[in-house]
Amino acid sequence: MFEQGRSCLDLAQQLHAVESAVGNAKRELIHDHMEHCLVEGGGPTRDTLKELKQLTKYL
């Protein structure tokens, strides 16, 4: 975008869109993993709960 002479506002908007998309993808991945571990896995185990607690720092 710099080479094309686009404005700083355009660049900032694109960066914001990328950050938002990555954040949404991350959240969806973590939620799917939590659902798999808790619902489809037959309930939480001690190891599963430990992993889920570690995952929460990325939300």
N, C-alpha and C. Protein backbone atom coordinates (compact mmCIF):
# COMPACT_ATOMS: atom_id res chain seq x y z
N MET A 1 0.82 -1.19 0.00
CA MET A 1 0.00 0.00 0.00
C MET A 1 0.87 1.26 0.00
N PHE A 2 2.03 1.16 0.66
CA PHE A 2 2.93 2.31 0.64
C PHE A 2 3.38 2.63 -0.78
N GLU A 3 3.75 1.57 -1.51
CA GLU A 3 4.23 1.76 -2.87
C GLU A 3 3.16 2.35 -3.78
N GLN A 4 1.91 2.10 -3.46
CA GLN A 4 0.79 2.59 -4.26
C GLN A 4 0.41 4.03 -3.89
N GLY A 5 1.06 4.56 -2.86
CA GLY A 5 0.75 5.92 -2.43
C GLY A 5 -0.55 6.06 -1.67
N ARG A 6 -1.01 4.96 -1.06
CA ARG A 6 -2.26 5.02 -0.28
C ARG A 6 -2.06 5.81 1.00
N SER A 7 -3.11 6.35 1.52
CA SER A 7 -3.03 7.19 2.72
C SER A 7 -2.80 6.34 3.96
N CYS A 8 -2.32 7.00 4.99
CA CYS A 8 -2.12 6.32 6.28
C CYS A 8 -3.45 5.81 6.84
N LEU A 9 -4.52 6.54 6.58
CA LEU A 9 -5.83 6.11 7.04
C LEU A 9 -6.22 4.78 6.38
N ASP A 10 -5.98 4.67 5.07
CA ASP A 10 -6.28 3.41 4.37
C ASP A 10 -5.48 2.26 4.96
N LEU A 11 -4.20 2.50 5.23
CA LEU A 11 -3.35 1.47 5.80
C LEU A 11 -3.84 1.07 7.19
N ALA A 12 -4.17 2.06 8.00
CA ALA A 12 -4.66 1.78 9.35
C ALA A 12 -5.96 0.98 9.31
N GLN A 13 -6.85 1.31 8.39
CA GLN A 13 -8.11 0.57 8.26
C GLN A 13 -7.84 -0.88 7.86
N GLN A 14 -6.92 -1.10 6.95
CA GLN A 14 -6.60 -2.46 6.52
C GLN A 14 -5.97 -3.26 7.65
N LEU A 15 -5.07 -2.63 8.40
CA LEU A 15 -4.45 -3.32 9.53
C LEU A 15 -5.48 -3.68 10.59
N HIS A 16 -6.42 -2.77 10.83
CA HIS A 16 -7.48 -3.05 11.79
C HIS A 16 -8.34 -4.23 11.33
N ALA A 17 -8.64 -4.28 10.04
CA ALA A 17 -9.44 -5.38 9.50
C ALA A 17 -8.70 -6.71 9.65
N VAL A 18 -7.40 -6.70 9.42
CA VAL A 18 -6.60 -7.93 9.57
C VAL A 18 -6.58 -8.37 11.03
N GLU A 19 -6.35 -7.43 11.95
CA GLU A 19 -6.36 -7.76 13.38
C GLU A 19 -7.69 -8.35 13.80
N SER A 20 -8.76 -7.76 13.34
CA SER A 20 -10.10 -8.23 13.68
C SER A 20 -10.33 -9.64 13.14
N ALA A 21 -9.93 -9.89 11.91
CA ALA A 21 -10.12 -11.22 11.31
C ALA A 21 -9.32 -12.26 12.06
N VAL A 22 -8.09 -11.96 12.43
CA VAL A 22 -7.26 -12.90 13.17
C VAL A 22 -7.86 -13.16 14.55
N GLY A 23 -8.32 -12.10 15.21
CA GLY A 23 -8.95 -12.27 16.52
C GLY A 23 -10.20 -13.13 16.46
N ASN A 24 -11.02 -12.92 15.45
CA ASN A 24 -12.23 -13.74 15.29
C ASN A 24 -11.88 -15.19 15.01
N ALA A 25 -10.88 -15.43 14.19
CA ALA A 25 -10.47 -16.80 13.88
C ALA A 25 -9.92 -17.48 15.13
N LYS A 26 -9.14 -16.77 15.90
CA LYS A 26 -8.57 -17.31 17.14
C LYS A 26 -9.68 -17.68 18.12
N ARG A 27 -10.63 -16.78 18.30
CA ARG A 27 -11.74 -17.04 19.21
C ARG A 27 -12.54 -18.25 18.77
N GLU A 28 -12.83 -18.37 17.48
CA GLU A 28 -13.60 -19.50 16.97
C GLU A 28 -12.85 -20.82 17.18
N LEU A 29 -11.55 -20.80 16.93
CA LEU A 29 -10.74 -22.00 17.13
C LEU A 29 -10.77 -22.44 18.59
N ILE A 30 -10.60 -21.48 19.50
CA ILE A 30 -10.59 -21.82 20.92
C ILE A 30 -11.97 -22.30 21.37
N HIS A 31 -13.02 -21.65 20.92
CA HIS A 31 -14.38 -22.08 21.30
C HIS A 31 -14.68 -23.48 20.76
N ASP A 32 -14.29 -23.76 19.54
CA ASP A 32 -14.50 -25.10 18.98
C ASP A 32 -13.73 -26.14 19.77
N HIS A 33 -12.50 -25.81 20.15
CA HIS A 33 -11.69 -26.74 20.93
C HIS A 33 -12.32 -27.00 22.30
N MET A 34 -12.81 -25.93 22.93
CA MET A 34 -13.44 -26.09 24.24
C MET A 34 -14.69 -26.95 24.13
N GLU A 35 -15.49 -26.73 23.10
CA GLU A 35 -16.69 -27.53 22.91
C GLU A 35 -16.33 -28.99 22.69
N HIS A 36 -15.33 -29.24 21.89
CA HIS A 36 -14.89 -30.61 21.63
C HIS A 36 -14.44 -31.29 22.92
N CYS A 37 -13.66 -30.59 23.71
CA CYS A 37 -13.14 -31.18 24.95
C CYS A 37 -14.22 -31.43 25.98
N LEU A 38 -15.17 -30.49 26.07
CA LEU A 38 -16.17 -30.58 27.14
C LEU A 38 -17.41 -31.36 26.74
N VAL A 39 -17.85 -31.23 25.52
CA VAL A 39 -19.10 -31.86 25.11
C VAL A 39 -18.84 -33.21 24.45
N GLU A 40 -18.05 -33.18 23.40
CA GLU A 40 -17.81 -34.40 22.63
C GLU A 40 -16.83 -35.33 23.32
N GLY A 41 -16.00 -34.80 24.20
CA GLY A 41 -15.01 -35.62 24.88
C GLY A 41 -15.56 -36.34 26.10
N GLY A 42 -16.83 -36.17 26.38
CA GLY A 42 -17.44 -36.88 27.51
C GLY A 42 -17.26 -36.19 28.84
N GLY A 43 -16.87 -34.97 28.83
CA GLY A 43 -16.71 -34.22 30.07
C GLY A 43 -15.25 -33.90 30.34
N PRO A 44 -15.04 -32.95 31.22
CA PRO A 44 -13.67 -32.50 31.47
C PRO A 44 -12.88 -33.47 32.34
N THR A 45 -11.63 -33.62 32.00
CA THR A 45 -10.69 -34.34 32.85
C THR A 45 -9.79 -33.29 33.50
N ARG A 46 -8.99 -33.70 34.42
CA ARG A 46 -8.08 -32.76 35.07
C ARG A 46 -7.15 -32.11 34.04
N ASP A 47 -6.64 -32.92 33.09
CA ASP A 47 -5.75 -32.38 32.06
C ASP A 47 -6.50 -31.43 31.12
N THR A 48 -7.74 -31.77 30.79
CA THR A 48 -8.53 -30.91 29.91
C THR A 48 -8.78 -29.57 30.57
N LEU A 49 -9.15 -29.57 31.84
CA LEU A 49 -9.39 -28.32 32.55
C LEU A 49 -8.13 -27.47 32.63
N LYS A 50 -6.99 -28.12 32.85
CA LYS A 50 -5.73 -27.39 32.90
C LYS A 50 -5.45 -26.72 31.55
N GLU A 51 -5.67 -27.46 30.47
CA GLU A 51 -5.47 -26.90 29.12
C GLU A 51 -6.43 -25.75 28.85
N LEU A 52 -7.69 -25.91 29.22
CA LEU A 52 -8.68 -24.87 28.98
C LEU A 52 -8.35 -23.59 29.76
N LYS A 53 -7.85 -23.75 30.98
CA LYS A 53 -7.44 -22.59 31.76
C LYS A 53 -6.29 -21.86 31.07
N GLN A 54 -5.38 -22.63 30.50
CA GLN A 54 -4.27 -22.00 29.77
C GLN A 54 -4.77 -21.29 28.52
N LEU A 55 -5.78 -21.86 27.85
CA LEU A 55 -6.32 -21.25 26.63
C LEU A 55 -7.00 -19.91 26.91
N THR A 56 -7.57 -19.74 28.09
CA THR A 56 -8.32 -18.52 28.38
C THR A 56 -7.46 -17.26 28.29
N LYS A 57 -6.17 -17.38 28.45
CA LYS A 57 -5.33 -16.18 28.35
C LYS A 57 -5.27 -15.64 26.93
N TYR A 58 -5.68 -16.44 25.95
CA TYR A 58 -5.67 -16.00 24.56
C TYR A 58 -6.99 -15.43 24.10
N LEU A 59 -8.00 -15.44 24.97
CA LEU A 59 -9.30 -14.88 24.60
C LEU A 59 -9.30 -13.38 24.70
